[in-house]
Protein backbone atom coordinates (compact mmCIF):
# COMPACT_ATOMS: atom_id res chain seq x y z
CA MET A 1 140.40 119.06 116.52
CA LEU A 2 138.03 116.26 115.53
CA PRO A 3 139.52 112.77 115.33
CA ARG A 4 140.22 111.51 111.85
CA ARG A 5 137.87 108.62 112.50
CA PRO A 6 134.94 109.75 114.69
CA VAL A 7 133.72 107.23 117.22
CA THR A 8 130.73 105.36 115.80
CA ARG A 9 130.30 101.61 116.09
CA GLN A 10 130.89 100.27 119.60
CA PRO A 11 131.57 96.74 120.88
CA PHE A 12 128.63 94.79 122.20
CA PRO A 13 128.29 94.76 126.01
CA PRO A 14 130.11 91.83 127.64
CA GLY A 15 126.86 90.14 128.65
CA SER A 16 125.54 90.33 125.11
CA GLN A 17 128.79 88.96 123.71
CA LEU A 18 128.73 86.07 126.15
CA ARG A 19 125.11 85.17 125.35
CA HIS A 20 125.86 85.34 121.63
CA ALA A 21 128.94 83.14 122.01
CA LEU A 22 127.05 80.53 124.04
CA THR A 23 124.11 80.54 121.64
CA THR A 24 126.46 80.17 118.68
CA LEU A 25 128.23 77.27 120.37
CA LEU A 26 124.91 75.60 121.17
CA TYR A 27 123.60 75.78 117.62
CA ARG A 28 126.88 74.72 116.05
CA THR A 29 126.95 71.70 118.37
CA LEU A 30 123.36 70.83 117.49
CA GLY A 31 124.26 71.19 113.83
CA VAL A 32 127.15 68.78 114.12
CA VAL A 33 125.26 66.22 116.22
CA LEU A 34 121.71 66.34 114.85
CA ALA A 35 121.88 67.60 111.26
CA PRO A 36 123.18 64.29 109.82
CA ARG A 37 120.11 62.55 111.26
CA PHE A 38 117.76 64.79 109.28
CA ARG A 39 119.60 65.45 106.04
CA ARG A 40 118.76 63.60 102.86
CA THR A 41 118.81 64.23 99.14
CA VAL A 42 115.69 65.72 97.57
CA HIS A 43 115.19 66.35 93.85
CA LEU A 44 112.89 68.90 92.28
CA ALA A 45 111.01 66.11 90.50
CA ASP A 46 109.99 64.75 93.91
CA LEU A 47 107.89 67.89 94.43
CA ALA A 48 105.94 67.76 91.15
CA THR A 49 102.49 67.40 92.71
CA ALA A 50 103.37 68.21 96.31
CA ARG A 51 101.50 70.37 98.77
CA ILE A 52 104.17 73.01 99.45
CA LEU A 53 104.30 75.52 102.29
CA ILE A 54 106.60 78.56 102.17
CA LEU A 55 107.20 79.83 105.70
CA LYS A 56 108.03 83.54 105.85
CA PRO A 57 106.24 85.34 108.72
CA CYS A 58 108.15 88.64 108.66
CA CYS A 59 108.75 91.17 107.31
CA LEU A 60 107.42 93.09 104.30
CA GLY A 61 110.77 93.69 102.59
CA ASP A 62 111.85 90.07 103.13
CA VAL A 63 108.54 88.83 101.74
CA ILE A 64 109.15 90.93 98.63
CA PHE A 65 112.60 89.31 98.37
CA ALA A 66 110.79 85.94 98.34
CA THR A 67 108.73 86.75 95.25
CA PRO A 68 111.35 85.48 92.76
CA LEU A 69 111.34 82.10 94.54
CA LEU A 70 107.54 81.95 94.45
CA ARG A 71 107.47 82.74 90.74
CA GLU A 72 110.19 80.22 89.91
CA LEU A 73 108.60 77.51 92.06
CA ARG A 74 105.35 77.96 90.16
CA ARG A 75 107.16 77.87 86.83
CA SER A 76 109.10 74.74 87.80
CA LEU A 77 106.18 72.99 89.55
CA PRO A 78 102.97 74.00 87.75
CA ASP A 79 100.96 71.14 89.33
CA ALA A 80 102.07 71.76 92.93
CA TYR A 81 99.96 73.52 95.56
CA LEU A 82 101.74 76.60 96.93
CA ALA A 83 100.72 78.15 100.26
CA VAL A 84 102.61 80.91 102.05
CA ALA A 85 102.53 81.26 105.84
CA VAL A 86 102.98 84.98 106.50
CA GLY A 87 102.18 87.52 109.22
CA ALA A 88 99.58 90.27 108.88
CA HIS A 89 102.21 93.01 108.62
CA ALA A 90 103.84 91.46 105.53
CA ARG A 91 100.74 89.90 103.96
CA PRO A 92 100.00 92.87 101.65
CA GLY A 93 103.23 92.12 99.77
CA LEU A 94 101.71 88.89 98.49
CA ALA A 95 98.07 89.85 98.07
CA GLY A 96 96.96 88.65 94.66
CA HIS A 97 100.33 87.12 93.77
CA PRO A 98 99.70 84.87 90.74
CA ALA A 99 101.97 82.05 91.98
CA VAL A 100 100.27 81.64 95.37
CA ASP A 101 97.28 79.38 95.96
CA GLU A 102 96.74 80.34 99.60
CA LEU A 103 97.97 82.70 102.30
CA ILE A 104 98.06 81.33 105.86
CA ASP A 105 98.16 83.74 108.80
CA THR A 106 101.03 83.00 111.19
CA GLY A 107 99.61 85.33 113.84
CA PRO A 108 102.35 86.50 116.23
CA VAL A 109 104.70 83.62 115.33
CA GLY A 110 107.91 84.93 113.81
CA SER A 111 107.05 88.55 114.52
CA GLY A 112 108.77 89.58 117.72
CA ARG A 113 109.09 87.60 120.93
CA LEU A 114 108.24 83.91 121.06
CA ARG A 115 104.74 83.05 122.26
CA PRO A 116 104.77 79.31 123.00
CA ARG A 117 100.98 78.85 122.82
CA ALA A 118 100.74 80.53 119.44
CA PHE A 119 103.78 78.60 118.18
CA LEU A 120 102.33 75.22 119.17
CA ALA A 121 98.87 76.15 117.88
CA LEU A 122 100.37 77.01 114.48
CA ALA A 123 102.29 73.70 114.46
CA ARG A 124 99.04 71.80 115.15
CA TYR A 125 97.21 73.69 112.43
CA LEU A 126 99.93 73.01 109.86
CA ARG A 127 100.00 69.33 110.84
CA ALA A 128 96.28 69.11 110.12
CA ARG A 129 96.84 70.63 106.66
CA ARG A 130 99.17 67.73 105.71
CA PHE A 131 101.79 69.60 103.72
CA ASP A 132 104.46 67.51 101.98
CA VAL A 133 107.18 70.15 101.77
CA CYS A 134 108.11 73.34 103.61
CA PHE A 135 110.54 76.00 102.43
CA VAL A 136 111.74 77.87 105.53
CA LEU A 137 112.93 81.37 104.57
CA GLU A 138 114.21 82.19 108.04
CA ARG A 139 117.44 81.85 109.99
CA SER A 140 115.68 81.00 113.25
CA ALA A 141 116.19 77.55 114.78
CA LEU A 142 112.67 77.63 116.23
CA LEU A 143 111.04 78.49 112.92
CA ALA A 144 113.13 75.83 111.21
CA MET A 145 111.77 73.33 113.74
CA LEU A 146 108.15 74.41 113.19
CA PRO A 147 107.57 72.26 110.07
CA TRP A 148 109.26 69.31 111.81
CA LEU A 149 106.82 69.66 114.70
CA ALA A 150 104.04 69.93 112.11
CA GLY A 151 105.04 66.58 110.64
CA ILE A 152 106.12 67.96 107.26
CA PRO A 153 108.52 65.34 105.89
CA ILE A 154 110.61 67.52 103.53
CA ARG A 155 111.99 70.73 105.02
CA ILE A 156 114.19 72.98 102.88
CA GLY A 157 115.75 76.09 104.32
CA ILE A 158 118.67 78.21 105.45
CA ASP A 159 121.36 76.98 107.82
CA SER A 160 122.88 79.91 109.68
CA GLY A 161 125.50 78.74 112.14
CA GLY A 162 123.82 75.38 112.77
CA ARG A 163 120.30 76.81 113.30
CA GLY A 164 119.00 74.70 110.45
CA PHE A 165 119.85 71.40 112.14
CA SER A 166 116.26 70.10 111.75
CA LEU A 167 116.10 70.71 107.99
CA THR A 168 116.06 67.95 105.40
CA VAL A 169 117.92 70.09 102.87
CA ALA A 170 119.91 73.14 103.97
CA VAL A 171 121.68 75.98 102.20
CA SER A 172 124.38 77.92 104.03
CA ALA A 173 123.72 81.60 104.74
CA ARG A 174 127.38 82.29 103.99
CA PRO A 175 128.89 83.93 102.07
CA ALA A 176 126.61 86.97 102.31
CA ARG A 177 124.65 87.52 99.11
CA PRO A 178 121.41 89.22 98.05
CA GLU A 179 118.57 87.89 100.16
CA SER A 180 116.50 87.10 97.08
CA GLU A 181 119.38 85.02 95.67
CA LEU A 182 119.74 83.16 98.97
CA TYR A 183 116.07 82.19 98.72
CA LEU A 184 116.53 81.11 95.09
CA ASP A 185 119.41 78.90 96.22
CA LEU A 186 116.78 76.78 97.98
CA LEU A 187 115.45 75.94 94.53
CA ARG A 188 118.89 75.53 92.98
CA VAL A 189 119.94 73.00 95.61
CA LEU A 190 117.10 70.77 94.40
CA GLY A 191 118.29 71.00 90.81
CA GLY A 192 116.06 73.91 89.78
CA ARG A 193 117.29 76.57 87.39
CA PRO A 194 115.65 79.95 88.03
CA GLN A 195 115.18 82.05 84.92
CA SER A 196 114.98 85.42 86.67
CA GLY A 197 115.76 86.99 90.02
CA ALA A 198 113.51 90.01 89.47
CA LEU A 199 111.36 91.12 92.40
CA GLU A 200 107.65 91.14 91.70
CA TYR A 201 104.62 93.06 92.84
CA HIS A 202 101.52 93.83 90.77
CA PRO A 203 99.23 96.63 91.98
CA SER A 204 95.58 95.66 91.69
CA ALA A 205 93.35 97.17 89.01
CA ALA A 206 91.21 98.74 91.75
CA ALA A 207 94.23 100.45 93.31
CA SER A 208 95.37 101.74 89.93
CA GLN A 209 91.92 103.21 89.30
CA ARG A 210 91.85 104.92 92.69
CA ILE A 211 95.30 106.38 92.06
CA GLU A 212 94.20 107.63 88.65
CA ARG A 213 91.44 109.63 90.33
CA LEU A 214 93.73 110.83 93.12
CA VAL A 215 96.38 112.04 90.69
CA ASN A 216 93.78 113.94 88.68
CA GLU A 217 92.34 115.57 91.80
CA ARG A 218 95.44 116.25 93.91
CA ILE A 219 98.48 116.36 91.61
CA GLY A 220 97.35 117.08 88.09
CA ALA A 221 99.68 116.88 85.11
CA ARG A 222 102.79 117.98 87.02
CA PRO A 223 105.72 115.55 87.27
CA PHE A 224 106.16 114.55 90.88
CA VAL A 225 108.72 112.97 93.20
CA ILE A 226 107.66 110.72 96.08
CA LEU A 227 109.47 111.04 99.41
CA HIS A 228 109.05 108.34 102.08
CA CYS A 229 110.85 109.71 105.13
CA ALA A 230 110.13 106.96 107.68
CA GLY A 231 110.62 103.19 107.87
CA GLY A 232 112.88 101.02 109.98
CA VAL A 233 110.06 99.78 112.24
CA ASN A 234 108.39 96.38 111.90
CA PRO A 235 107.02 93.70 114.26
CA GLY A 236 110.44 92.06 114.52
CA MET A 237 112.63 95.11 115.13
CA ALA A 238 112.70 98.89 115.47
CA LEU A 239 115.78 100.47 113.90
CA VAL A 240 115.04 104.15 113.32
CA ARG A 241 118.73 104.87 112.72
CA LYS A 242 117.98 103.62 109.18
CA ARG A 243 116.20 106.93 108.50
CA TRP A 244 117.74 109.79 106.55
CA PRO A 245 117.42 113.00 108.62
CA ALA A 246 114.25 115.04 108.19
CA GLU A 247 116.25 118.17 107.35
CA HIS A 248 117.92 116.31 104.47
CA PHE A 249 114.54 115.27 103.08
CA ALA A 250 113.36 118.87 103.45
CA ARG A 251 116.33 120.28 101.54
CA LEU A 252 115.86 117.67 98.82
CA ALA A 253 112.17 118.58 98.61
CA SER A 254 113.13 122.24 98.27
CA ARG A 255 115.36 121.46 95.29
CA VAL A 256 112.65 119.37 93.64
CA LEU A 257 110.11 122.16 94.08
CA ALA A 258 112.53 124.79 92.81
CA ALA A 259 113.07 122.68 89.69
CA GLY A 260 109.33 122.78 88.98
CA ALA A 261 108.15 119.34 90.07
CA ALA A 262 105.72 118.48 92.85
CA VAL A 263 106.66 116.61 96.02
CA VAL A 264 104.41 113.89 97.40
CA LEU A 265 104.96 112.80 101.01
CA VAL A 266 103.87 109.24 101.76
CA GLY A 267 103.88 106.85 104.70
CA ALA A 268 101.61 105.07 107.14
CA ARG A 269 99.57 106.83 109.83
CA GLU A 270 102.28 106.12 112.38
CA ASP A 271 104.76 107.95 110.14
CA ARG A 272 102.94 111.25 110.63
CA PRO A 273 105.49 112.64 113.16
CA ALA A 274 108.37 112.02 110.75
CA ALA A 275 106.48 113.70 107.91
CA GLU A 276 105.62 116.68 110.13
CA ARG A 277 109.31 117.16 110.90
CA VAL A 278 110.06 117.25 107.18
CA ARG A 279 107.30 119.82 106.61
CA ALA A 280 108.53 121.94 109.52
CA ASP A 281 112.12 121.87 108.27
CA LEU A 282 110.92 122.71 104.78
CA ALA A 283 109.01 125.74 106.08
CA ALA A 284 112.05 126.80 108.13
CA LEU A 285 114.19 127.09 105.00
CA GLY A 286 112.65 130.53 104.59
CA ASP A 287 111.84 130.33 100.90
CA GLY A 288 108.35 131.64 100.20
CA MET A 289 107.77 129.01 97.51
CA THR A 290 109.03 126.10 99.61
CA THR A 291 105.75 124.63 100.78
CA ALA A 292 103.84 125.21 97.55
CA GLY A 293 103.57 122.03 95.55
CA VAL A 294 103.81 119.63 98.51
CA ILE A 295 101.06 117.00 98.49
CA ASP A 296 100.75 115.23 101.83
CA LEU A 297 99.41 111.68 101.47
CA VAL A 298 100.83 110.30 104.72
CA GLY A 299 98.29 107.90 106.21
CA VAL A 300 96.10 108.11 103.10
CA LEU A 301 97.39 105.28 100.91
CA ASP A 302 97.54 101.56 101.51
CA LEU A 303 100.56 99.66 100.16
CA ASP A 304 98.73 98.60 97.00
CA GLU A 305 97.91 102.22 96.21
CA LEU A 306 101.44 103.34 97.07
CA ALA A 307 102.83 100.91 94.50
CA ALA A 308 100.42 102.15 91.86
CA LEU A 309 101.29 105.79 92.63
CA ALA A 310 105.05 105.14 92.64
CA ARG A 311 104.90 103.70 89.12
CA ARG A 312 103.62 107.10 87.94
CA ALA A 313 106.22 109.17 89.78
CA VAL A 314 109.44 110.49 88.30
CA VAL A 315 111.22 108.76 91.17
CA TYR A 316 110.60 107.45 94.67
CA VAL A 317 113.17 108.33 97.35
CA GLY A 318 113.08 106.38 100.60
CA ASN A 319 115.03 104.64 103.31
CA ASP A 320 115.74 100.91 103.33
CA SER A 321 112.25 99.75 104.28
CA GLY A 322 109.48 97.39 103.24
CA PRO A 323 107.53 100.02 101.24
CA SER A 324 110.70 100.95 99.33
CA HIS A 325 111.26 97.34 98.33
CA LEU A 326 107.60 96.95 97.39
CA VAL A 327 107.57 99.93 95.03
CA GLU A 328 110.81 98.72 93.45
CA ALA A 329 109.16 95.33 92.87
CA ALA A 330 106.24 97.17 91.24
CA GLY A 331 108.61 98.67 88.66
CA ALA A 332 108.98 102.21 90.01
CA ARG A 333 112.21 104.18 89.72
CA VAL A 334 113.70 104.13 93.21
CA VAL A 335 116.56 105.77 95.09
CA MET A 336 117.02 103.79 98.32
CA LEU A 337 119.16 105.10 101.18
CA PHE A 338 121.32 102.74 103.22
CA GLY A 339 123.34 103.05 106.42
CA PRO A 340 123.11 100.29 109.05
CA SER A 341 122.04 97.55 106.62
CA ASP A 342 124.07 96.03 103.81
CA PRO A 343 122.94 97.07 100.31
CA ILE A 344 124.60 93.95 98.90
CA VAL A 345 122.21 91.81 100.93
CA TYR A 346 119.15 94.05 101.19
CA GLY A 347 119.64 96.51 98.36
CA PRO A 348 117.56 96.96 95.23
CA ARG A 349 117.90 94.43 92.42
CA GLY A 350 116.19 96.13 89.48
CA ARG A 351 117.75 98.24 86.76
CA ASN A 352 115.46 101.16 87.69
CA ALA A 353 116.62 101.27 91.31
CA VAL A 354 119.83 102.38 92.98
CA ALA A 355 121.24 102.13 96.50
CA VAL A 356 123.00 105.17 97.95
CA THR A 357 125.33 104.97 100.95
CA ALA A 358 127.85 107.29 102.60
CA GLY A 359 130.52 104.59 102.37
CA LEU A 360 131.59 104.88 106.01
CA TRP A 361 133.97 102.33 107.51
CA CYS A 362 131.47 101.31 110.17
CA SER A 363 128.65 100.38 107.78
CA PRO A 364 126.92 98.03 107.73
CA CYS A 365 126.43 97.47 111.45
CA PHE A 366 123.32 95.28 111.13
CA VAL A 367 124.87 91.85 110.61
CA GLU A 368 123.35 88.40 111.21
CA GLY A 369 120.32 89.90 112.93
CA ARG A 370 122.33 91.94 115.45
CA VAL A 371 122.76 95.71 115.51
CA ALA A 372 126.00 97.00 116.99
CA PRO A 373 125.78 99.86 119.51
CA CYS A 374 126.70 103.23 118.00
CA ALA A 375 128.11 106.27 119.76
CA ASN A 376 127.39 108.69 116.91
CA VAL A 377 125.06 107.65 114.11
CA LEU A 378 126.80 109.20 111.12
CA CYS A 379 125.97 106.78 108.31
CA MET A 380 122.61 108.27 107.30
CA PRO A 381 123.37 111.96 108.02
CA SER A 382 126.56 111.57 105.95
CA ILE A 383 124.55 110.84 102.80
CA THR A 384 124.46 114.35 101.34
CA VAL A 385 121.50 115.96 99.64
CA GLU A 386 123.78 116.67 96.68
CA ARG A 387 124.57 112.95 96.35
CA VAL A 388 120.88 112.06 96.18
CA TRP A 389 120.20 114.97 93.86
CA GLN A 390 122.76 113.57 91.42
CA GLU A 391 120.59 110.47 91.11
CA ILE A 392 117.24 112.19 90.62
CA ALA A 393 118.24 115.25 88.55
CA PRO A 394 118.68 113.25 85.31
CA LEU A 395 115.30 111.61 85.87
CA LEU A 396 113.66 115.02 86.31
CA GLN A 397 115.31 116.24 83.12
CA ALA A 398 114.07 113.18 81.25
CA ALA A 399 110.55 113.97 82.53
CA GLY A 400 110.82 117.49 81.12
CA VAL A 401 111.64 119.23 84.40
CA PRO A 402 114.63 121.60 84.17
CA SER A 403 116.98 120.91 87.06
């Protein structure tokens, strides 16, 4: 007989727990001792004509969560200069953003392991640019110190367990709240009043034109559903347990096809193995019509084109990943699947998007940047195809597809 509560989340290894405890103690001590030396009151009016840097190296989804802050900073400070320091992986999320005057490449800084030479080189470069203010959208003590080393006098950011000891103005990361709202709190603490927390991404006109041609050539007039079956891998972390099983995607695709809509598979080139597993599982279902109507665009679209395509789809179904957040920000209808991560913090914010979880006791297990060991990853497999179908069936019906 199976136990009533299957073994899933495990305790961290003793060595990991000890390192975490010592690190926490260190940063809390630094916060108590050093923070009072740096803290001072800053008002929004002090930034009216400032040269402002927003530091957010990684990752794509988090950069999308920063778009409400960028928009509201521009609205509140129309005469300020706004530059965003961002890594190459997340840069597409801000390409062409109307609030941003400049994008600065952070290189490897903030994306994976620390590289001291690159870190110090970036500090020297930022010092030469003579910024007046830096908003630090990170919980890292090192990244919070970067603008201090760069000689930026006003540093506004997140204090997570004392890691923001070098900040001029700090907002606590607790209690947990939507990441986009946490970023907006950095404006509120200065006296700003954001008008909207909506995520924002605008596909370029060129991408929209390319997608118009692609739809005419590959999809036609049929309603279609986009499936993104990968995600969970970025320069800072690989967490493939965030993925819904390939066989679940295949069974969902089968139901979409049987209803009369097309299925479009999307993803980056490196997502090809995940997409192939979905196609293989779909073929294995044994239905002669199963593979008809599947359009494979994995490795074909860039993120700008994906956003433009998703806005034309009946619905986009994907895991908690950067592309999923980007297409939500573009205004697409989205069903986003969650297991290890907290949908309250990282979930969709728009009225056209919904987060689906299995509601297991052990979720979320990704908390404060740490992922608990797991004996049996049940959170994503436990999201049933029927549960996801309940979300997309009404949208198919509204698009004229009998379901």
